[in-house]
N, C-alpha and C. Protein backbone atom coordinates (compact mmCIF):
# COMPACT_ATOMS: atom_id res chain seq x y z
N PHE A 1 4.79 6.02 -6.50
CA PHE A 1 3.51 5.65 -7.04
C PHE A 1 2.50 6.72 -6.69
N TYR A 2 1.42 6.71 -7.36
CA TYR A 2 0.37 7.70 -7.17
C TYR A 2 -0.94 6.97 -6.90
N LEU A 3 -1.81 7.63 -6.17
CA LEU A 3 -3.13 7.06 -5.94
C LEU A 3 -4.11 7.75 -6.86
N THR A 4 -4.69 6.98 -7.76
CA THR A 4 -5.62 7.55 -8.73
C THR A 4 -6.92 6.76 -8.74
N PHE A 5 -7.29 6.21 -7.61
CA PHE A 5 -8.48 5.38 -7.54
C PHE A 5 -9.46 5.97 -6.55
N GLN A 6 -10.66 5.49 -6.64
CA GLN A 6 -11.67 5.82 -5.64
C GLN A 6 -11.59 4.74 -4.57
N GLU A 7 -11.33 5.14 -3.35
CA GLU A 7 -11.09 4.17 -2.28
C GLU A 7 -12.24 3.18 -2.14
N ASN A 8 -13.46 3.63 -2.33
CA ASN A 8 -14.60 2.74 -2.13
C ASN A 8 -14.71 1.69 -3.24
N GLN A 9 -13.90 1.80 -4.29
CA GLN A 9 -13.92 0.81 -5.36
C GLN A 9 -12.97 -0.35 -5.06
N VAL A 10 -12.14 -0.21 -4.05
CA VAL A 10 -11.12 -1.21 -3.76
C VAL A 10 -11.57 -2.03 -2.57
N LYS A 11 -11.59 -3.33 -2.75
CA LYS A 11 -11.97 -4.23 -1.68
C LYS A 11 -10.88 -5.29 -1.52
N PRO A 12 -10.61 -5.72 -0.29
CA PRO A 12 -9.64 -6.79 -0.11
C PRO A 12 -10.10 -8.05 -0.83
N ARG A 13 -9.14 -8.79 -1.38
CA ARG A 13 -9.47 -10.07 -2.01
C ARG A 13 -9.95 -11.04 -0.96
N ARG A 14 -10.92 -11.82 -1.31
CA ARG A 14 -11.40 -12.87 -0.39
C ARG A 14 -10.74 -14.18 -0.81
N GLN A 15 -10.10 -14.81 0.13
CA GLN A 15 -9.45 -16.07 -0.13
C GLN A 15 -9.86 -17.06 0.95
N ASN A 16 -9.52 -18.30 0.71
CA ASN A 16 -9.87 -19.34 1.67
C ASN A 16 -9.08 -19.23 2.96
N SER A 17 -7.90 -18.71 2.88
CA SER A 17 -7.02 -18.67 4.04
C SER A 17 -7.36 -17.52 4.97
N GLU A 18 -7.65 -17.84 6.22
CA GLU A 18 -7.93 -16.80 7.21
C GLU A 18 -6.69 -15.93 7.42
N HIS A 19 -5.52 -16.56 7.39
CA HIS A 19 -4.26 -15.82 7.52
C HIS A 19 -4.11 -14.80 6.39
N GLN A 20 -4.39 -15.22 5.17
CA GLN A 20 -4.28 -14.31 4.02
C GLN A 20 -5.28 -13.17 4.15
N ASN A 21 -6.47 -13.45 4.64
CA ASN A 21 -7.45 -12.38 4.85
C ASN A 21 -6.93 -11.35 5.85
N THR A 22 -6.26 -11.82 6.90
CA THR A 22 -5.69 -10.91 7.89
C THR A 22 -4.62 -10.03 7.26
N ILE A 23 -3.76 -10.62 6.43
CA ILE A 23 -2.72 -9.86 5.74
C ILE A 23 -3.36 -8.83 4.82
N ASP A 24 -4.37 -9.25 4.07
CA ASP A 24 -5.06 -8.32 3.16
C ASP A 24 -5.70 -7.17 3.92
N GLU A 25 -6.35 -7.48 5.03
CA GLU A 25 -7.00 -6.44 5.83
C GLU A 25 -5.98 -5.43 6.34
N LYS A 26 -4.84 -5.92 6.80
CA LYS A 26 -3.79 -5.01 7.28
C LYS A 26 -3.27 -4.15 6.14
N TRP A 27 -3.08 -4.75 4.96
CA TRP A 27 -2.58 -4.00 3.81
C TRP A 27 -3.56 -2.90 3.42
N PHE A 28 -4.83 -3.23 3.35
CA PHE A 28 -5.84 -2.24 2.97
C PHE A 28 -6.04 -1.18 4.06
N LYS A 29 -5.79 -1.53 5.31
CA LYS A 29 -5.82 -0.53 6.38
C LYS A 29 -4.71 0.50 6.14
N ARG A 30 -3.52 0.02 5.81
CA ARG A 30 -2.40 0.93 5.50
C ARG A 30 -2.71 1.76 4.25
N LEU A 31 -3.31 1.13 3.27
CA LEU A 31 -3.68 1.86 2.06
C LEU A 31 -4.64 3.00 2.41
N HIS A 32 -5.56 2.72 3.30
CA HIS A 32 -6.51 3.75 3.74
C HIS A 32 -5.75 4.89 4.43
N GLU A 33 -4.75 4.56 5.24
CA GLU A 33 -3.93 5.58 5.88
C GLU A 33 -3.20 6.42 4.83
N LEU A 34 -2.71 5.75 3.78
CA LEU A 34 -2.01 6.48 2.71
C LEU A 34 -2.98 7.41 1.98
N THR A 35 -4.19 6.96 1.77
CA THR A 35 -5.20 7.79 1.12
C THR A 35 -5.49 9.03 1.97
N GLU A 36 -5.63 8.84 3.26
CA GLU A 36 -5.86 9.97 4.17
C GLU A 36 -4.67 10.93 4.16
N PHE A 37 -3.47 10.39 4.16
CA PHE A 37 -2.26 11.21 4.12
C PHE A 37 -2.25 12.04 2.84
N LYS A 38 -2.55 11.39 1.72
CA LYS A 38 -2.57 12.11 0.43
C LYS A 38 -3.62 13.21 0.43
N ASP A 39 -4.80 12.91 0.95
CA ASP A 39 -5.86 13.93 1.01
C ASP A 39 -5.44 15.12 1.86
N ARG A 40 -4.73 14.85 2.94
CA ARG A 40 -4.31 15.90 3.86
C ARG A 40 -3.09 16.67 3.34
N GLU A 41 -2.09 15.95 2.79
CA GLU A 41 -0.82 16.55 2.42
C GLU A 41 -0.69 16.88 0.93
N GLY A 42 -1.54 16.26 0.10
CA GLY A 42 -1.50 16.51 -1.33
C GLY A 42 -0.45 15.70 -2.08
N HIS A 43 0.17 14.73 -1.41
CA HIS A 43 1.18 13.87 -2.04
C HIS A 43 1.29 12.58 -1.23
N CYS A 44 2.07 11.63 -1.75
CA CYS A 44 2.25 10.34 -1.08
C CYS A 44 3.68 10.13 -0.60
N ARG A 45 4.42 11.20 -0.44
CA ARG A 45 5.83 11.10 -0.03
C ARG A 45 5.92 11.06 1.50
N VAL A 46 5.55 9.94 2.06
CA VAL A 46 5.56 9.77 3.51
C VAL A 46 7.00 9.51 3.95
N PRO A 47 7.53 10.30 4.88
CA PRO A 47 8.89 10.05 5.34
C PRO A 47 8.98 8.73 6.10
N VAL A 48 10.11 8.05 5.96
CA VAL A 48 10.31 6.78 6.66
C VAL A 48 10.19 6.99 8.16
N ASN A 49 10.69 8.11 8.64
CA ASN A 49 10.63 8.40 10.08
C ASN A 49 9.43 9.29 10.42
N PHE A 50 8.29 9.03 9.80
CA PHE A 50 7.06 9.79 10.01
C PHE A 50 6.71 9.76 11.49
N LYS A 51 6.88 10.86 12.16
CA LYS A 51 6.76 10.93 13.62
C LYS A 51 5.42 10.43 14.18
N PRO A 52 4.29 10.82 13.60
CA PRO A 52 3.02 10.34 14.18
C PRO A 52 2.85 8.83 14.09
N ASN A 53 3.51 8.19 13.10
CA ASN A 53 3.31 6.75 12.92
C ASN A 53 4.49 6.17 12.14
N PRO A 54 5.60 5.87 12.81
CA PRO A 54 6.79 5.36 12.11
C PRO A 54 6.55 4.07 11.33
N SER A 55 5.70 3.19 11.83
CA SER A 55 5.45 1.94 11.10
C SER A 55 4.75 2.21 9.77
N PHE A 56 3.95 3.25 9.71
CA PHE A 56 3.30 3.64 8.45
C PHE A 56 4.35 4.11 7.44
N GLY A 57 5.30 4.92 7.88
CA GLY A 57 6.37 5.36 7.00
C GLY A 57 7.18 4.19 6.47
N ASN A 58 7.44 3.21 7.33
CA ASN A 58 8.15 2.01 6.89
C ASN A 58 7.33 1.20 5.89
N TRP A 59 6.02 1.13 6.10
CA TRP A 59 5.15 0.40 5.17
C TRP A 59 5.20 1.04 3.78
N VAL A 60 5.13 2.37 3.72
CA VAL A 60 5.18 3.06 2.43
C VAL A 60 6.52 2.79 1.75
N ARG A 61 7.60 2.85 2.51
CA ARG A 61 8.93 2.56 1.95
C ARG A 61 8.98 1.14 1.38
N THR A 62 8.44 0.19 2.11
CA THR A 62 8.43 -1.20 1.65
C THR A 62 7.62 -1.34 0.37
N GLN A 63 6.47 -0.66 0.29
CA GLN A 63 5.66 -0.74 -0.94
C GLN A 63 6.44 -0.18 -2.13
N ARG A 64 7.14 0.92 -1.92
CA ARG A 64 7.96 1.50 -2.98
C ARG A 64 9.06 0.53 -3.43
N GLU A 65 9.72 -0.11 -2.46
CA GLU A 65 10.77 -1.07 -2.79
C GLU A 65 10.21 -2.25 -3.57
N GLN A 66 9.08 -2.79 -3.12
CA GLN A 66 8.49 -3.92 -3.79
C GLN A 66 7.97 -3.55 -5.18
N TYR A 67 7.45 -2.36 -5.32
CA TYR A 67 6.99 -1.85 -6.61
C TYR A 67 8.17 -1.77 -7.57
N LYS A 68 9.29 -1.24 -7.09
CA LYS A 68 10.50 -1.13 -7.90
C LYS A 68 11.00 -2.51 -8.32
N HIS A 69 11.04 -3.44 -7.38
CA HIS A 69 11.47 -4.80 -7.69
C HIS A 69 10.59 -5.41 -8.78
N MET A 70 9.29 -5.23 -8.64
CA MET A 70 8.37 -5.80 -9.63
C MET A 70 8.65 -5.20 -11.01
N ASN A 71 8.85 -3.89 -11.07
CA ASN A 71 9.11 -3.24 -12.35
C ASN A 71 10.43 -3.68 -12.97
N GLU A 72 11.37 -4.08 -12.12
CA GLU A 72 12.68 -4.54 -12.61
C GLU A 72 12.68 -6.04 -12.91
N GLY A 73 11.55 -6.69 -12.73
CA GLY A 73 11.46 -8.12 -12.99
C GLY A 73 12.05 -8.97 -11.89
N LYS A 74 12.28 -8.38 -10.74
CA LYS A 74 12.81 -9.11 -9.59
C LYS A 74 11.66 -9.66 -8.76
N LYS A 75 12.01 -10.57 -7.86
CA LYS A 75 11.01 -11.13 -6.95
C LYS A 75 10.43 -10.01 -6.09
N SER A 76 9.12 -10.03 -5.95
CA SER A 76 8.43 -8.98 -5.19
C SER A 76 7.25 -9.58 -4.45
N SER A 77 7.00 -9.08 -3.26
CA SER A 77 5.84 -9.53 -2.50
C SER A 77 4.58 -8.77 -2.92
N LEU A 78 4.72 -7.79 -3.78
CA LEU A 78 3.58 -7.00 -4.25
C LEU A 78 2.83 -7.78 -5.33
N THR A 79 1.53 -7.88 -5.20
CA THR A 79 0.72 -8.57 -6.21
C THR A 79 0.36 -7.60 -7.32
N GLN A 80 -0.03 -8.15 -8.45
CA GLN A 80 -0.46 -7.30 -9.57
C GLN A 80 -1.66 -6.44 -9.16
N ASN A 81 -2.59 -7.02 -8.41
CA ASN A 81 -3.77 -6.26 -7.98
C ASN A 81 -3.38 -5.07 -7.11
N ARG A 82 -2.47 -5.31 -6.17
CA ARG A 82 -2.03 -4.22 -5.30
C ARG A 82 -1.25 -3.19 -6.09
N ARG A 83 -0.46 -3.65 -7.03
CA ARG A 83 0.29 -2.71 -7.88
C ARG A 83 -0.67 -1.78 -8.61
N GLN A 84 -1.73 -2.34 -9.17
CA GLN A 84 -2.71 -1.53 -9.90
C GLN A 84 -3.36 -0.52 -8.98
N VAL A 85 -3.63 -0.90 -7.76
CA VAL A 85 -4.25 0.01 -6.79
C VAL A 85 -3.31 1.18 -6.49
N LEU A 86 -2.02 0.90 -6.40
CA LEU A 86 -1.04 1.92 -6.06
C LEU A 86 -0.71 2.86 -7.22
N GLU A 87 -0.97 2.45 -8.45
CA GLU A 87 -0.58 3.28 -9.60
C GLU A 87 -1.47 4.43 -9.82
C-alpha cells in the first residue's frame, strides 16, 4: 500500500467504546510511525525484523496481510476507513 494522504486530515474515529478508542489511538500512532518512516526512507517497505522497532515491522506486515485479505474478499480486521487511509 502507499500513503497518499495528508496526515493532518486523518483523525481517529470517535466511538462510544473506550476500548475501541484505545485501539484506534494505537492504530493511528502506528500510522504516524509509518508516515515518518516513509518521509525518512522514501517508501513504506518496513522490514518485519526492523531493528529499531520490531513491533512496528510486525504491525506493517499485519496491515499488508489484512489489506490483502480484504481485497480477496476474505475476513479482515481492516476497516474500509483504514483501508482508504493506507491506499
